[in-house]
Amino acid sequence: MSCPICGKAVGEEAAKYRPFCSKRCADIDLGRWLNEDYRVKGDDDEAEPRRPN
């Protein structure tokens, strides 16, 4: 298995960070989620226009 961030092989010593090879790569992935670099598309996104608050 290879790390989805850097591509290095994930060894047994990094089992607690799977699917990442290290804490650094796990933190990079978390940062991308928190910055909304990743998005999960849903049906509601296209169906309803945003309403002002």
PDB file of N, CA and C in Angstrom:
ATOM      1  N   MET A   1       0.841  -1.159   0.000  1.00  0.00           N
ATOM      2  CA  MET A   1       0.000   0.000   0.000  1.00  0.00           C
ATOM      3  C   MET A   1       0.895   1.234   0.000  1.00  0.00           C
ATOM      4  N   SER A   2       0.520   2.239  -0.764  1.00  0.00           N
ATOM      5  CA  SER A   2       1.309   3.464  -0.797  1.00  0.00           C
ATOM      6  C   SER A   2       0.511   4.632  -0.214  1.00  0.00           C
ATOM      7  N   CYS A   3       1.221   5.587   0.335  1.00  0.00           N
ATOM      8  CA  CYS A   3       0.633   6.762   0.976  1.00  0.00           C
ATOM      9  C   CYS A   3      -0.054   7.628  -0.088  1.00  0.00           C
ATOM     10  N   PRO A   4      -1.302   8.045   0.135  1.00  0.00           N
ATOM     11  CA  PRO A   4      -2.000   8.858  -0.855  1.00  0.00           C
ATOM     12  C   PRO A   4      -1.458  10.289  -0.961  1.00  0.00           C
ATOM     13  N   ILE A   5      -0.637  10.718  -0.014  1.00  0.00           N
ATOM     14  CA  ILE A   5      -0.079  12.070  -0.056  1.00  0.00           C
ATOM     15  C   ILE A   5       1.272  12.098  -0.765  1.00  0.00           C
ATOM     16  N   CYS A   6       2.217  11.249  -0.317  1.00  0.00           N
ATOM     17  CA  CYS A   6       3.571  11.313  -0.877  1.00  0.00           C
ATOM     18  C   CYS A   6       3.936  10.133  -1.771  1.00  0.00           C
ATOM     19  N   GLY A   7       3.154   9.047  -1.710  1.00  0.00           N
ATOM     20  CA  GLY A   7       3.397   7.901  -2.567  1.00  0.00           C
ATOM     21  C   GLY A   7       4.370   6.872  -2.002  1.00  0.00           C
ATOM     22  N   LYS A   8       4.959   7.143  -0.820  1.00  0.00           N
ATOM     23  CA  LYS A   8       5.877   6.169  -0.218  1.00  0.00           C
ATOM     24  C   LYS A   8       5.104   4.956   0.276  1.00  0.00           C
ATOM     25  N   ALA A   9       5.797   3.833   0.369  1.00  0.00           N
ATOM     26  CA  ALA A   9       5.184   2.609   0.885  1.00  0.00           C
ATOM     27  C   ALA A   9       4.846   2.780   2.363  1.00  0.00           C
ATOM     28  N   VAL A  10       3.699   2.261   2.752  1.00  0.00           N
ATOM     29  CA  VAL A  10       3.269   2.321   4.147  1.00  0.00           C
ATOM     30  C   VAL A  10       3.674   1.015   4.807  1.00  0.00           C
ATOM     31  N   GLY A  11       4.592   1.107   5.759  1.00  0.00           N
ATOM     32  CA  GLY A  11       5.087  -0.077   6.441  1.00  0.00           C
ATOM     33  C   GLY A  11       4.337  -0.339   7.731  1.00  0.00           C
ATOM     34  N   GLU A  12       4.685  -1.440   8.368  1.00  0.00           N
ATOM     35  CA  GLU A  12       4.044  -1.829   9.629  1.00  0.00           C
ATOM     36  C   GLU A  12       4.294  -0.803  10.734  1.00  0.00           C
ATOM     37  N   GLU A  13       5.447  -0.126  10.705  1.00  0.00           N
ATOM     38  CA  GLU A  13       5.758   0.854  11.745  1.00  0.00           C
ATOM     39  C   GLU A  13       4.838   2.071  11.708  1.00  0.00           C
ATOM     40  N   ALA A  14       4.167   2.288  10.595  1.00  0.00           N
ATOM     41  CA  ALA A  14       3.254   3.427  10.442  1.00  0.00           C
ATOM     42  C   ALA A  14       1.795   2.993  10.527  1.00  0.00           C
ATOM     43  N   ALA A  15       1.522   1.861  11.142  1.00  0.00           N
ATOM     44  CA  ALA A  15       0.167   1.313  11.184  1.00  0.00           C
ATOM     45  C   ALA A  15      -0.832   2.275  11.818  1.00  0.00           C
ATOM     46  N   LYS A  16      -0.404   3.061  12.809  1.00  0.00           N
ATOM     47  CA  LYS A  16      -1.358   3.956  13.467  1.00  0.00           C
ATOM     48  C   LYS A  16      -1.729   5.160  12.600  1.00  0.00           C
ATOM     49  N   TYR A  17      -1.008   5.389  11.509  1.00  0.00           N
ATOM     50  CA  TYR A  17      -1.316   6.502  10.610  1.00  0.00           C
ATOM     51  C   TYR A  17      -1.968   6.065   9.306  1.00  0.00           C
ATOM     52  N   ARG A  18      -2.247   4.774   9.145  1.00  0.00           N
ATOM     53  CA  ARG A  18      -2.814   4.274   7.899  1.00  0.00           C
ATOM     54  C   ARG A  18      -4.025   5.062   7.476  1.00  0.00           C
ATOM     55  N   PRO A  19      -4.190   5.371   6.240  1.00  0.00           N
ATOM     56  CA  PRO A  19      -3.460   4.893   5.065  1.00  0.00           C
ATOM     57  C   PRO A  19      -2.214   5.717   4.747  1.00  0.00           C
ATOM     58  N   PHE A  20      -1.794   6.577   5.683  1.00  0.00           N
ATOM     59  CA  PHE A  20      -0.642   7.442   5.451  1.00  0.00           C
ATOM     60  C   PHE A  20       0.629   6.806   5.993  1.00  0.00           C
ATOM     61  N   CYS A  21       1.778   7.288   5.521  1.00  0.00           N
ATOM     62  CA  CYS A  21       3.055   6.712   5.939  1.00  0.00           C
ATOM     63  C   CYS A  21       3.588   7.358   7.203  1.00  0.00           C
ATOM     64  N   SER A  22       3.058   8.522   7.571  1.00  0.00           N
ATOM     65  CA  SER A  22       3.574   9.230   8.737  1.00  0.00           C
ATOM     66  C   SER A  22       2.542  10.214   9.268  1.00  0.00           C
ATOM     67  N   LYS A  23       2.833  10.760  10.446  1.00  0.00           N
ATOM     68  CA  LYS A  23       1.966  11.779  11.029  1.00  0.00           C
ATOM     69  C   LYS A  23       1.952  13.019  10.137  1.00  0.00           C
ATOM     70  N   ARG A  24       3.101  13.339   9.547  1.00  0.00           N
ATOM     71  CA  ARG A  24       3.195  14.501   8.664  1.00  0.00           C
ATOM     72  C   ARG A  24       2.193  14.400   7.515  1.00  0.00           C
ATOM     73  N   CYS A  25       2.146  13.262   6.847  1.00  0.00           N
ATOM     74  CA  CYS A  25       1.216  13.088   5.723  1.00  0.00           C
ATOM     75  C   CYS A  25      -0.234  13.076   6.200  1.00  0.00           C
ATOM     76  N   ALA A  26      -0.488  12.496   7.377  1.00  0.00           N
ATOM     77  CA  ALA A  26      -1.833  12.516   7.934  1.00  0.00           C
ATOM     78  C   ALA A  26      -2.259  13.950   8.230  1.00  0.00           C
ATOM     79  N   ASP A  27      -1.344  14.763   8.763  1.00  0.00           N
ATOM     80  CA  ASP A  27      -1.651  16.166   9.062  1.00  0.00           C
ATOM     81  C   ASP A  27      -1.873  16.982   7.791  1.00  0.00           C
ATOM     82  N   ILE A  28      -1.122  16.683   6.752  1.00  0.00           N
ATOM     83  CA  ILE A  28      -1.329  17.368   5.470  1.00  0.00           C
ATOM     84  C   ILE A  28      -2.734  17.086   4.956  1.00  0.00           C
ATOM     85  N   ASP A  29      -3.156  15.828   5.027  1.00  0.00           N
ATOM     86  CA  ASP A  29      -4.497  15.455   4.576  1.00  0.00           C
ATOM     87  C   ASP A  29      -5.569  16.154   5.412  1.00  0.00           C
ATOM     88  N   LEU A  30      -5.396  16.179   6.725  1.00  0.00           N
ATOM     89  CA  LEU A  30      -6.354  16.856   7.606  1.00  0.00           C
ATOM     90  C   LEU A  30      -6.437  18.336   7.254  1.00  0.00           C
ATOM     91  N   GLY A  31      -5.305  18.965   7.021  1.00  0.00           N
ATOM     92  CA  GLY A  31      -5.289  20.373   6.631  1.00  0.00           C
ATOM     93  C   GLY A  31      -6.047  20.625   5.333  1.00  0.00           C
ATOM     94  N   ARG A  32      -5.926  19.720   4.401  1.00  0.00           N
ATOM     95  CA  ARG A  32      -6.661  19.865   3.135  1.00  0.00           C
ATOM     96  C   ARG A  32      -8.165  19.790   3.360  1.00  0.00           C
ATOM     97  N   TRP A  33      -8.608  18.892   4.256  1.00  0.00           N
ATOM     98  CA  TRP A  33     -10.040  18.813   4.585  1.00  0.00           C
ATOM     99  C   TRP A  33     -10.490  20.095   5.275  1.00  0.00           C
ATOM    100  N   LEU A  34      -9.702  20.579   6.232  1.00  0.00           N
ATOM    101  CA  LEU A  34     -10.080  21.781   6.975  1.00  0.00           C
ATOM    102  C   LEU A  34     -10.100  23.028   6.096  1.00  0.00           C
ATOM    103  N   ASN A  35      -9.245  23.070   5.077  1.00  0.00           N
ATOM    104  CA  ASN A  35      -9.229  24.194   4.129  1.00  0.00           C
ATOM    105  C   ASN A  35     -10.268  24.037   3.025  1.00  0.00           C
ATOM    106  N   GLU A  36     -11.041  22.947   3.099  1.00  0.00           N
ATOM    107  CA  GLU A  36     -12.071  22.628   2.112  1.00  0.00           C
ATOM    108  C   GLU A  36     -11.499  22.417   0.716  1.00  0.00           C
ATOM    109  N   ASP A  37     -10.251  21.890   0.659  1.00  0.00           N
ATOM    110  CA  ASP A  37      -9.670  21.528  -0.632  1.00  0.00           C
ATOM    111  C   ASP A  37     -10.340  20.285  -1.195  1.00  0.00           C
ATOM    112  N   TYR A  38     -10.837  19.427  -0.302  1.00  0.00           N
ATOM    113  CA  TYR A  38     -11.603  18.249  -0.704  1.00  0.00           C
ATOM    114  C   TYR A  38     -13.074  18.566  -0.481  1.00  0.00           C
ATOM    115  N   ARG A  39     -13.919  18.103  -1.377  1.00  0.00           N
ATOM    116  CA  ARG A  39     -15.349  18.297  -1.212  1.00  0.00           C
ATOM    117  C   ARG A  39     -16.083  17.038  -1.632  1.00  0.00           C
ATOM    118  N   VAL A  40     -17.142  16.758  -0.937  1.00  0.00           N
ATOM    119  CA  VAL A  40     -17.991  15.631  -1.273  1.00  0.00           C
ATOM    120  C   VAL A  40     -19.234  16.202  -1.916  1.00  0.00           C
ATOM    121  N   LYS A  41     -19.437  15.859  -3.181  1.00  0.00           N
ATOM    122  CA  LYS A  41     -20.579  16.391  -3.916  1.00  0.00           C
ATOM    123  C   LYS A  41     -21.843  15.664  -3.479  1.00  0.00           C
ATOM    124  N   GLY A  42     -22.888  16.427  -3.290  1.00  0.00           N
ATOM    125  CA  GLY A  42     -24.160  15.840  -2.895  1.00  0.00           C
ATOM    126  C   GLY A  42     -25.277  16.336  -3.795  1.00  0.00           C
ATOM    127  N   ASP A  43     -26.413  15.654  -3.766  1.00  0.00           N
ATOM    128  CA  ASP A  43     -27.552  16.039  -4.588  1.00  0.00           C
ATOM    129  C   ASP A  43     -28.110  17.402  -4.191  1.00  0.00           C
ATOM    130  N   ASP A  44     -28.076  17.726  -2.912  1.00  0.00           N
ATOM    131  CA  ASP A  44     -28.630  18.982  -2.431  1.00  0.00           C
ATOM    132  C   ASP A  44     -27.862  20.189  -2.933  1.00  0.00           C
ATOM    133  N   ASP A  45     -26.594  20.022  -3.253  1.00  0.00           N
ATOM    134  CA  ASP A  45     -25.778  21.151  -3.701  1.00  0.00           C
ATOM    135  C   ASP A  45     -26.325  21.796  -4.968  1.00  0.00           C
ATOM    136  N   GLU A  46     -26.864  21.016  -5.857  1.00  0.00           N
ATOM    137  CA  GLU A  46     -27.353  21.548  -7.124  1.00  0.00           C
ATOM    138  C   GLU A  46     -28.845  21.860  -7.100  1.00  0.00           C
ATOM    139  N   ALA A  47     -29.598  21.190  -6.251  1.00  0.00           N
ATOM    140  CA  ALA A  47     -31.050  21.312  -6.267  1.00  0.00           C
ATOM    141  C   ALA A  47     -31.572  22.593  -5.638  1.00  0.00           C
ATOM    142  N   GLU A  48     -30.960  23.062  -4.570  1.00  0.00           N
ATOM    143  CA  GLU A  48     -31.478  24.214  -3.841  1.00  0.00           C
ATOM    144  C   GLU A  48     -30.491  25.365  -3.910  1.00  0.00           C
ATOM    145  N   PRO A  49     -30.969  26.537  -4.350  1.00  0.00           N
ATOM    146  CA  PRO A  49     -30.076  27.701  -4.304  1.00  0.00           C
ATOM    147  C   PRO A  49     -29.882  28.136  -2.847  1.00  0.00           C
ATOM    148  N   ARG A  50     -28.775  28.775  -2.582  1.00  0.00           N
ATOM    149  CA  ARG A  50     -28.512  29.246  -1.215  1.00  0.00           C
ATOM    150  C   ARG A  50     -29.441  30.393  -0.867  1.00  0.00           C
ATOM    151  N   ARG A  51     -29.931  30.351   0.349  1.00  0.00           N
ATOM    152  CA  ARG A  51     -30.791  31.428   0.838  1.00  0.00           C
ATOM    153  C   ARG A  51     -29.968  32.374   1.696  1.00  0.00           C
ATOM    154  N   PRO A  52     -30.171  33.684   1.550  1.00  0.00           N
ATOM    155  CA  PRO A  52     -29.437  34.626   2.413  1.00  0.00           C
ATOM    156  C   PRO A  52     -29.881  34.487   3.857  1.00  0.00           C
ATOM    157  N   ASN A  53     -28.975  34.742   4.781  1.00  0.00           N
ATOM    158  CA  ASN A  53     -29.296  34.644   6.214  1.00  0.00           C
ATOM    159  C   ASN A  53     -30.071  35.823   6.698  1.00  0.00           C
TER     160      ASN A  53
END
